[in-house]
Protein backbone atom coordinates (compact mmCIF):
# COMPACT_ATOMS: atom_id res chain seq x y z
CA UNK A 1 -0.24 0.13 0.07
CA UNK A 2 0.88 3.62 -0.69
CA UNK A 3 -0.61 6.71 -0.04
CA UNK A 4 1.65 8.97 -2.49
CA UNK A 5 2.56 12.51 -1.43
CA UNK A 6 0.51 14.45 0.34
CA UNK A 7 0.97 18.26 0.46
CA UNK A 8 0.84 20.96 3.39
CA UNK A 9 -3.16 21.13 3.31
CA UNK A 10 -3.34 17.31 3.40
CA UNK A 11 -1.07 17.43 5.95
CA UNK A 12 -2.72 19.92 8.12
CA UNK A 13 -6.20 18.46 7.85
CA UNK A 14 -4.97 14.97 8.80
CA UNK A 15 -3.53 16.83 11.77
CA UNK A 16 -6.62 18.39 12.75
CA UNK A 17 -8.45 14.99 12.32
CA UNK A 18 -6.01 13.10 14.82
CA UNK A 19 -6.06 15.94 17.17
CA UNK A 20 -9.88 15.49 17.08
CA UNK A 21 -9.66 11.95 17.54
CA UNK A 22 -6.92 12.09 20.54
CA UNK A 23 -9.33 14.50 22.38
CA UNK A 24 -12.30 12.30 21.88
CA UNK A 25 -10.16 9.03 22.79
CA UNK A 26 -8.85 10.74 26.25
CA UNK A 27 -12.18 12.01 26.97
CA UNK A 28 -13.89 8.65 26.49
CA UNK A 29 -10.95 6.69 28.29
CA UNK A 30 -12.17 9.02 31.59
CA UNK A 31 -15.68 7.95 31.03
CA UNK A 32 -14.73 4.16 30.60
CA UNK A 33 -12.36 4.25 33.90
CA UNK A 34 -14.94 6.17 36.34
CA UNK A 35 -17.51 3.28 35.58
CA UNK A 36 -14.95 0.73 37.07
CA UNK A 37 -13.63 2.78 39.74
CA UNK A 38 -17.26 3.54 40.60
CA UNK A 39 -18.96 0.05 40.19
CA UNK A 40 -16.43 -2.60 40.95
CA UNK A 41 -14.23 -2.28 43.72
CA UNK A 42 -15.32 -4.83 46.49
CA UNK A 43 -14.42 -2.87 49.74
CA UNK A 44 -14.80 -5.84 51.83
CA UNK A 45 -12.72 -8.54 50.24
CA UNK A 46 -10.43 -6.83 48.08
CA UNK A 47 -10.63 -7.64 44.42
CA UNK A 48 -13.14 -6.61 41.54
CA UNK A 49 -16.65 -7.20 40.62
CA UNK A 50 -16.97 -7.61 36.61
CA UNK A 51 -20.33 -8.97 36.45
CA UNK A 52 -21.82 -5.26 36.10
CA UNK A 53 -25.34 -4.41 34.71
CA UNK A 54 -26.03 -1.67 32.01
CA UNK A 55 -26.08 0.95 34.96
CA UNK A 56 -23.13 -0.54 36.69
CA UNK A 57 -25.46 -2.76 39.35
CA UNK A 58 -23.59 -6.07 40.15
CA UNK A 59 -25.57 -9.13 39.33
CA UNK A 60 -23.42 -11.95 40.51
CA UNK A 61 -20.32 -11.76 42.80
CA UNK A 62 -18.32 -14.49 41.34
CA UNK A 63 -14.60 -13.47 40.57
CA UNK A 64 -12.99 -14.38 37.35
CA UNK A 65 -9.23 -14.79 37.93
CA UNK A 66 -8.52 -13.61 34.18
CA UNK A 67 -10.22 -10.43 35.03
CA UNK A 68 -8.77 -9.83 38.18
CA UNK A 69 -5.56 -9.78 37.00
CA UNK A 70 -6.48 -7.51 33.77
CA UNK A 71 -7.99 -5.07 36.11
CA UNK A 72 -5.05 -4.74 38.10
CA UNK A 73 -2.33 -4.60 35.08
CA UNK A 74 -5.01 -1.82 33.65
CA UNK A 75 -4.82 0.30 36.94
CA UNK A 76 -1.19 0.19 37.00
CA UNK A 77 -0.57 0.84 33.65
CA UNK A 78 -2.93 4.12 33.70
CA UNK A 79 -1.01 5.01 36.62
CA UNK A 80 2.47 4.49 35.51
CA UNK A 81 1.57 6.25 32.11
CA UNK A 82 -0.95 8.80 32.44
CA UNK A 83 -0.24 11.83 34.81
CA UNK A 84 -4.36 12.03 35.44
CA UNK A 85 -4.40 8.79 36.55
CA UNK A 86 -1.30 8.92 39.06
CA UNK A 87 -3.19 9.18 41.98
CA UNK A 88 -3.40 7.04 45.15
CA UNK A 89 -7.07 6.05 44.58
CA UNK A 90 -5.94 4.19 41.46
CA UNK A 91 -2.82 2.70 43.07
CA UNK A 92 -4.22 1.57 46.22
CA UNK A 93 -7.14 -0.28 44.47
CA UNK A 94 -4.91 -1.87 42.23
CA UNK A 95 -2.48 -2.92 45.04
CA UNK A 96 -6.05 -4.20 46.99
CA UNK A 97 -6.43 -6.33 43.62
CA UNK A 98 -3.28 -7.57 43.63
CA UNK A 99 -3.41 -9.04 47.19
CA UNK A 100 -6.61 -10.37 46.43
CA UNK A 101 -4.82 -12.47 43.73
CA UNK A 102 -1.69 -13.14 46.07
CA UNK A 103 -3.94 -14.84 49.09
CA UNK A 104 -6.75 -16.79 46.54
CA UNK A 105 -5.54 -17.12 42.81
CA UNK A 106 -3.24 -20.37 43.43
CA UNK A 107 -5.73 -23.39 44.11
CA UNK A 108 -3.11 -25.18 46.13
CA UNK A 109 -0.24 -23.38 46.85
CA UNK A 110 2.76 -23.51 46.66
CA UNK A 111 1.62 -25.26 43.16
CA UNK A 112 1.39 -22.55 40.59
CA UNK A 113 -2.15 -23.60 38.94
CA UNK A 114 -4.80 -20.51 39.44
CA UNK A 115 -8.32 -20.80 39.64
CA UNK A 116 -10.48 -19.61 36.75
CA UNK A 117 -13.24 -18.40 39.19
CA UNK A 118 -13.42 -17.85 42.86
CA UNK A 119 -16.37 -16.78 45.02
CA UNK A 120 -16.46 -13.37 46.37
CA UNK A 121 -14.25 -14.30 49.39
CA UNK A 122 -11.46 -15.78 47.23
CA UNK A 123 -12.66 -19.69 47.51
CA UNK A 124 -11.78 -21.61 44.23
CA UNK A 125 -14.92 -22.67 42.37
CA UNK A 126 -13.39 -23.19 38.85
CA UNK A 127 -10.31 -24.16 37.19
CA UNK A 128 -9.50 -24.25 33.46
CA UNK A 129 -7.14 -26.60 31.69
CA UNK A 130 -5.03 -23.77 30.29
CA UNK A 131 -2.48 -21.15 30.90
CA UNK A 132 -4.27 -17.94 31.03
CA UNK A 133 -5.45 -17.20 34.32
CA UNK A 134 -1.74 -17.68 35.27
CA UNK A 135 -0.89 -15.34 32.23
CA UNK A 136 -3.07 -12.59 33.79
CA UNK A 137 -1.64 -13.56 37.11
CA UNK A 138 1.82 -12.63 35.75
CA UNK A 139 1.02 -9.42 33.89
CA UNK A 140 -0.73 -8.23 37.21
CA UNK A 141 2.45 -8.84 39.38
CA UNK A 142 4.93 -7.38 36.86
CA UNK A 143 3.23 -4.18 36.53
CA UNK A 144 2.58 -3.93 40.44
CA UNK A 145 6.34 -4.47 41.07
CA UNK A 146 6.63 -1.57 38.05
CA UNK A 147 4.52 0.94 40.36
CA UNK A 148 5.37 -0.06 43.68
CA UNK A 149 9.37 -1.11 43.57
CA UNK A 150 8.18 -3.83 45.87
CA UNK A 151 10.20 -7.09 44.60
CA UNK A 152 8.00 -9.56 45.91
CA UNK A 153 5.48 -8.67 42.89
CA UNK A 154 8.15 -9.30 40.23
CA UNK A 155 9.37 -12.58 42.08
CA UNK A 156 5.68 -13.85 41.93
CA UNK A 157 5.85 -12.42 38.06
CA UNK A 158 9.08 -14.19 37.11
CA UNK A 159 8.31 -17.69 39.13
CA UNK A 160 4.79 -17.86 37.31
CA UNK A 161 6.53 -16.93 33.89
CA UNK A 162 9.07 -20.04 34.33
CA UNK A 163 5.97 -22.10 35.20
CA UNK A 164 4.14 -21.02 31.96
CA UNK A 165 7.15 -21.93 29.81
CA UNK A 166 7.75 -25.55 31.38
CA UNK A 167 4.31 -26.26 30.47
CA UNK A 168 3.97 -24.98 26.99
CA UNK A 169 7.50 -26.15 25.88
CA UNK A 170 8.08 -29.20 28.27
CA UNK A 171 5.36 -30.78 30.27
CA UNK A 172 1.87 -29.57 29.80
CA UNK A 173 0.75 -32.55 32.61
CA UNK A 174 0.34 -30.14 35.42
CA UNK A 175 -2.33 -28.42 33.44
CA UNK A 176 -4.53 -31.62 33.62
CA UNK A 177 -5.04 -31.97 29.88
CA UNK A 178 -5.33 -35.61 28.93
CA UNK A 179 -4.13 -36.66 26.09
CA UNK A 180 -6.66 -38.66 24.37
CA UNK A 181 -6.22 -41.10 21.54
CA UNK A 182 -8.05 -39.69 18.76
CA UNK A 183 -7.39 -35.95 19.73
CA UNK A 184 -4.96 -34.09 17.59
CA UNK A 185 -2.23 -32.31 18.25
CA UNK A 186 -3.18 -28.84 18.20
CA UNK A 187 -1.50 -25.36 18.76
CA UNK A 188 -4.32 -22.29 18.90
CA UNK A 189 -3.09 -19.26 18.16
CA UNK A 190 -3.40 -17.90 21.82
CA UNK A 191 -0.91 -20.17 23.61
CA UNK A 192 2.30 -18.39 21.32
CA UNK A 193 0.83 -14.82 21.31
CA UNK A 194 0.03 -14.83 25.19
CA UNK A 195 3.82 -15.79 25.54
CA UNK A 196 4.82 -13.14 23.45
CA UNK A 197 2.86 -10.79 25.25
CA UNK A 198 4.57 -11.69 28.57
CA UNK A 199 8.04 -11.80 26.98
CA UNK A 200 7.49 -8.04 25.87
CA UNK A 201 5.87 -7.28 29.15
CA UNK A 202 8.36 -8.82 31.30
CA UNK A 203 11.25 -7.43 29.14
CA UNK A 204 10.11 -3.87 29.27
CA UNK A 205 13.29 -1.75 30.22
CA UNK A 206 15.04 -4.73 31.83
CA UNK A 207 17.89 -5.74 29.98
CA UNK A 208 18.73 -8.66 31.86
CA UNK A 209 15.05 -10.49 31.09
CA UNK A 210 15.18 -9.13 27.72
CA UNK A 211 18.47 -11.49 26.98
CA UNK A 212 16.71 -14.05 28.98
CA UNK A 213 13.76 -13.98 27.05
CA UNK A 214 15.02 -13.33 23.45
CA UNK A 215 14.96 -16.78 22.06
CA UNK A 216 11.47 -17.36 23.49
CA UNK A 217 10.29 -14.11 21.68
CA UNK A 218 11.66 -15.25 18.36
CA UNK A 219 10.01 -18.84 19.05
CA UNK A 220 6.43 -17.01 19.94
CA UNK A 221 6.96 -15.31 16.70
CA UNK A 222 7.97 -18.52 14.45
CA UNK A 223 5.11 -20.21 15.99
CA UNK A 224 2.51 -17.59 15.38
CA UNK A 225 3.59 -16.97 11.70
CA UNK A 226 2.81 -20.89 10.85
CA UNK A 227 -0.82 -19.79 11.30
CA UNK A 228 -0.40 -18.34 8.02
CA UNK A 229 -2.09 -20.91 5.84
CA UNK A 230 -3.41 -21.45 2.46
CA UNK A 231 -0.41 -20.02 0.67
CA UNK A 232 -0.79 -16.77 2.82
CA UNK A 233 -4.39 -16.31 1.77
CA UNK A 234 -5.70 -17.47 5.21
CA UNK A 235 -4.89 -16.75 9.14
CA UNK A 236 -6.32 -20.02 10.70
CA UNK A 237 -6.79 -19.77 14.73
CA UNK A 238 -5.41 -23.44 14.90
CA UNK A 239 -2.90 -25.53 13.48
CA UNK A 240 -1.10 -28.65 14.12
CA UNK A 241 1.51 -28.73 16.49
CA UNK A 242 3.91 -29.04 13.31
CA UNK A 243 2.29 -26.15 11.51
CA UNK A 244 0.04 -27.88 9.24
CA UNK A 245 -3.74 -27.28 8.51
CA UNK A 246 -6.08 -29.49 10.32
CA UNK A 247 -9.14 -31.12 8.93
CA UNK A 248 -12.65 -30.21 10.12
CA UNK A 249 -14.31 -27.47 11.67
CA UNK A 250 -11.09 -26.93 13.92
CA UNK A 251 -8.68 -26.46 11.24
CA UNK A 252 -10.92 -24.38 9.27
CA UNK A 253 -11.83 -22.17 12.03
CA UNK A 254 -11.17 -18.34 11.96
CA UNK A 255 -11.29 -15.74 14.37
CA UNK A 256 -10.51 -12.39 12.81
CA UNK A 257 -10.32 -10.38 16.14
CA UNK A 258 -7.74 -12.75 17.52
CA UNK A 259 -5.61 -12.34 14.42
CA UNK A 260 -5.67 -8.62 14.39
CA UNK A 261 -4.48 -8.96 18.35
CA UNK A 262 -1.83 -11.15 17.50
CA UNK A 263 -0.95 -8.81 14.82
CA UNK A 264 -0.16 -5.78 16.85
CA UNK A 265 1.70 -8.10 19.61
CA UNK A 266 3.95 -9.46 16.44
CA UNK A 267 4.05 -5.69 15.03
CA UNK A 268 5.44 -4.67 18.01
CA UNK A 269 7.91 -7.27 18.38
CA UNK A 270 9.16 -6.21 14.66
CA UNK A 271 9.62 -2.67 15.59
CA UNK A 272 11.68 -3.45 18.54
CA UNK A 273 13.92 -5.96 16.38
CA UNK A 274 13.83 -3.25 13.56
CA UNK A 275 12.85 -5.88 11.46
CA UNK A 276 11.50 -4.07 8.41
CA UNK A 277 10.71 -7.01 6.40
CA UNK A 278 8.78 -9.22 9.41
CA UNK A 279 6.50 -5.60 9.69
CA UNK A 280 5.90 -5.68 5.75
CA UNK A 281 4.70 -9.34 6.37
CA UNK A 282 2.75 -9.01 9.63
CA UNK A 283 0.99 -5.78 8.30
CA UNK A 284 -0.19 -7.87 5.21
CA UNK A 285 -1.14 -11.19 6.88
CA UNK A 286 -2.20 -10.09 9.98
CA UNK A 287 -3.68 -6.87 9.83
CA UNK A 288 -5.07 -6.44 6.36
CA UNK A 289 -6.16 -10.12 5.57
CA UNK A 290 -7.98 -10.62 8.57
CA UNK A 291 -9.57 -7.44 8.33
CA UNK A 292 -10.61 -7.60 4.67
CA UNK A 293 -12.02 -11.24 5.22
CA UNK A 294 -13.72 -10.67 8.51
CA UNK A 295 -15.55 -7.06 7.96
CA UNK A 296 -19.10 -7.50 7.44
CA UNK A 297 -19.65 -6.02 3.84
CA UNK A 298 -23.57 -5.33 4.24
CA UNK A 299 -23.90 -4.27 7.85
CA UNK A 300 -20.42 -2.65 9.18
CA UNK A 301 -18.00 -4.48 12.13
CA UNK A 302 -16.37 -7.23 12.21
CA UNK A 303 -17.55 -10.96 12.43
CA UNK A 304 -16.71 -12.94 15.51
CA UNK A 305 -16.02 -16.28 13.94
CA UNK A 306 -15.63 -17.30 10.19
CA UNK A 307 -14.72 -20.55 8.26
CA UNK A 308 -12.57 -20.44 5.77
CA UNK A 309 -14.27 -22.52 3.33
CA UNK A 310 -17.57 -20.39 3.91
CA UNK A 311 -19.13 -23.30 5.51
CA UNK A 312 -21.48 -21.69 8.10
CA UNK A 313 -19.86 -21.62 11.38
CA UNK A 314 -21.06 -23.83 14.37
CA UNK A 315 -20.58 -21.37 16.92
CA UNK A 316 -24.17 -19.52 17.45
CA UNK A 317 -22.24 -16.19 17.99
CA UNK A 318 -20.45 -16.63 14.69
CA UNK A 319 -22.20 -13.55 13.08
CA UNK A 320 -22.01 -11.04 16.26
CA UNK A 321 -20.23 -8.24 16.58
CA UNK A 322 -18.07 -8.08 20.22
CA UNK A 323 -16.39 -5.17 21.61
CA UNK A 324 -12.92 -6.49 22.02
CA UNK A 325 -12.01 -7.60 18.36
CA UNK A 326 -12.81 -3.79 17.20
CA UNK A 327 -10.69 -2.82 20.30
CA UNK A 328 -7.48 -4.72 19.06
CA UNK A 329 -8.52 -3.41 15.40
CA UNK A 330 -8.08 0.40 16.54
CA UNK A 331 -4.66 -0.87 18.23
CA UNK A 332 -3.19 -2.49 15.23
CA UNK A 333 -3.95 -0.18 12.34
CA UNK A 334 -2.98 2.92 14.54
CA UNK A 335 0.21 1.16 15.15
CA UNK A 336 0.94 -0.06 11.62
CA UNK A 337 0.12 3.40 10.74
CA UNK A 338 2.54 5.15 13.41
CA UNK A 339 5.17 2.84 12.27
CA UNK A 340 5.16 2.67 8.51
CA UNK A 341 2.99 6.08 7.51
CA UNK A 342 0.96 4.44 5.34
CA UNK A 343 -2.04 6.45 5.40
CA UNK A 344 -4.42 3.64 4.31
CA UNK A 345 -3.67 2.03 7.65
CA UNK A 346 -4.83 5.48 9.07
CA UNK A 347 -8.29 5.21 7.20
CA UNK A 348 -9.05 1.85 8.41
CA UNK A 349 -8.28 2.86 11.70
CA UNK A 350 -10.80 5.45 11.34
CA UNK A 351 -13.64 3.03 9.60
CA UNK A 352 -13.11 0.52 12.78
CA UNK A 353 -13.31 3.57 15.51
CA UNK A 354 -16.13 5.10 13.81
CA UNK A 355 -18.46 2.21 14.03
CA UNK A 356 -17.10 1.36 17.18
CA UNK A 357 -17.60 4.67 18.64
CA UNK A 358 -21.13 4.59 17.07
CA UNK A 359 -22.41 0.98 18.03
CA UNK A 360 -20.45 0.01 21.29
CA UNK A 361 -20.16 3.07 23.45
CA UNK A 362 -23.09 3.93 26.01
CA UNK A 363 -23.37 7.63 26.42
CA UNK A 364 -25.77 7.05 29.44
CA UNK A 365 -23.77 5.21 31.58
CA UNK A 366 -20.45 5.03 30.49
CA UNK A 367 -18.29 1.77 29.42
CA UNK A 368 -19.33 0.02 26.15
CA UNK A 369 -21.63 -2.68 25.65
CA UNK A 370 -19.51 -6.02 25.08
CA UNK A 371 -21.80 -7.92 22.49
CA UNK A 372 -24.20 -6.74 19.43
CA UNK A 373 -25.89 -8.62 16.91
CA UNK A 374 -24.95 -8.84 13.33
CA UNK A 375 -26.71 -5.41 12.46
CA UNK A 376 -25.33 -3.60 15.38
CA UNK A 377 -28.21 -3.54 17.86
CA UNK A 378 -27.13 -4.34 21.68
CA UNK A 379 -27.55 -8.13 22.09
CA UNK A 380 -26.75 -8.30 25.76
CA UNK A 381 -26.88 -4.91 28.07
CA UNK A 382 -24.22 -6.22 30.26
CA UNK A 383 -21.06 -4.22 30.55
CA UNK A 384 -19.14 -6.86 32.23
CA UNK A 385 -19.24 -10.50 32.95
CA UNK A 386 -17.16 -13.59 33.00
CA UNK A 387 -15.19 -12.48 30.26
CA UNK A 388 -15.45 -8.77 29.70
CA UNK A 389 -13.89 -6.44 32.18
CA UNK A 390 -11.93 -3.63 32.44
CA UNK A 391 -9.11 -4.45 30.13
CA UNK A 392 -9.82 -3.98 26.16
CA UNK A 393 -11.87 -0.98 26.15
CA UNK A 394 -9.26 1.22 28.43
CA UNK A 395 -6.27 -0.48 26.98
CA UNK A 396 -7.35 0.06 23.53
CA UNK A 397 -8.22 3.90 24.59
CA UNK A 398 -4.97 4.28 26.54
CA UNK A 399 -2.62 3.13 23.71
CA UNK A 400 -4.25 4.84 21.15
CA UNK A 401 -4.30 8.16 23.18
CA UNK A 402 -0.52 7.59 23.57
CA UNK A 403 0.29 6.79 20.16
CA UNK A 404 -1.82 9.88 18.50
CA UNK A 405 0.06 11.94 21.06
CA UNK A 406 3.30 10.85 19.60
CA UNK A 407 1.98 11.28 15.83
CA UNK A 408 1.11 14.51 16.54
CA UNK A 409 4.37 15.72 18.48
CA UNK A 410 5.74 15.04 14.97
CA UNK A 411 6.91 17.63 13.07
CA UNK A 412 5.27 16.22 9.75
CA UNK A 413 2.94 13.33 9.47
CA UNK A 414 4.83 11.38 7.20
CA UNK A 415 6.32 7.69 7.17
CA UNK A 416 9.29 7.38 9.62
CA UNK A 417 12.04 4.62 8.88
CA UNK A 418 12.36 4.09 12.78
CA UNK A 419 9.37 4.26 14.90
CA UNK A 420 11.20 3.10 18.35
CA UNK A 421 9.51 6.29 19.83
CA UNK A 422 6.12 4.20 20.04
CA UNK A 423 5.09 3.78 23.52
CA UNK A 424 6.29 0.70 25.12
CA UNK A 425 3.23 -1.10 25.99
CA UNK A 426 2.26 -4.37 27.39
CA UNK A 427 -0.34 -6.58 26.93
CA UNK A 428 -5.84 -8.58 24.44
CA UNK A 429 -14.11 3.73 17.73
CA UNK A 430 -15.26 7.87 16.93
CA UNK A 431 -15.99 11.00 15.27
CA UNK A 432 -18.11 11.00 12.40
């Protein structure tokens, strides 16, 4: 893609549009965070309520470890990166959430396996046979260390990271996943992309850990690239452990939002490595390809699931429009533009952002609705639940505000050969 040369009037118009978007995103981030700080804090037991209705009312007091870790991470990140959020109220809430995780997240300490669901007072209800509760626990602990300087948080993060890597690369028996004779050996895209996200999280401004995890980051990158299938014409959610396409619905499954989220993880990795060839490949295969195949030409928005051969997906929610794929697309396209300067990527950011702000945001009570039908109407009025918490929306808004600020600080909105001035952000729309 190429936008060609642009004159002074075009650049000034672009700057005004970016400034308007920055203001809109900044205001929306304030409203979103206010919703969570007002309604989600459990003052009695610590941690956060995430099952919140349209107006913020708690409809279930179960606590989901994914979302506890994500909210701790989000609060710490905002406290660390934004002056207006650098206040004791947000830090104290993050620390209370972190201490709740330290006390209750692990099912049988000193074992590392974390619960998926806890009661309000921290008793385990359910465990998943995956690594993801542990991943978000790690993110929370590392970010708490960054804002408090308290070493025990970092020790928790590094020890849990070591355990996750062992589960993924050496011995997964501790996850409790039985090896069944008829089950294919599957690698879902979520595993290497979450590991790559953790590599970036723990390596930020830490040369020792960056060196320690360099090989792991490259391994994750190569595993993710194996999901580019069909002679480069499709991103598949699941492949075999040796990088081959699988048969049946499992093998044909596509998740455009996941591909876009993996795309900006990979894009950030390629920027930090200064690998322009990898960057171009990521933009083509992990940003443009899933967007153009996943965007609904009739109603707008990204389909949740697709079948690469155009069979009807078996998931009932396949045609719904969910909040998080659109959040990830906003980050991906703005990051791609920030690094490459290609205006086509900026226009895709505008396209996604306009749809997202118009359809998902709630001007009455704040925060975004999470689940729309194909036509873009609100299907579920809840603002939070077992999978939606204080994470994708504020992370998207915070990262976009940062990137827009960097763009506006440049003397000219032109392609840059080296964009390492991009905000170093850890890890999973607008004005008409």
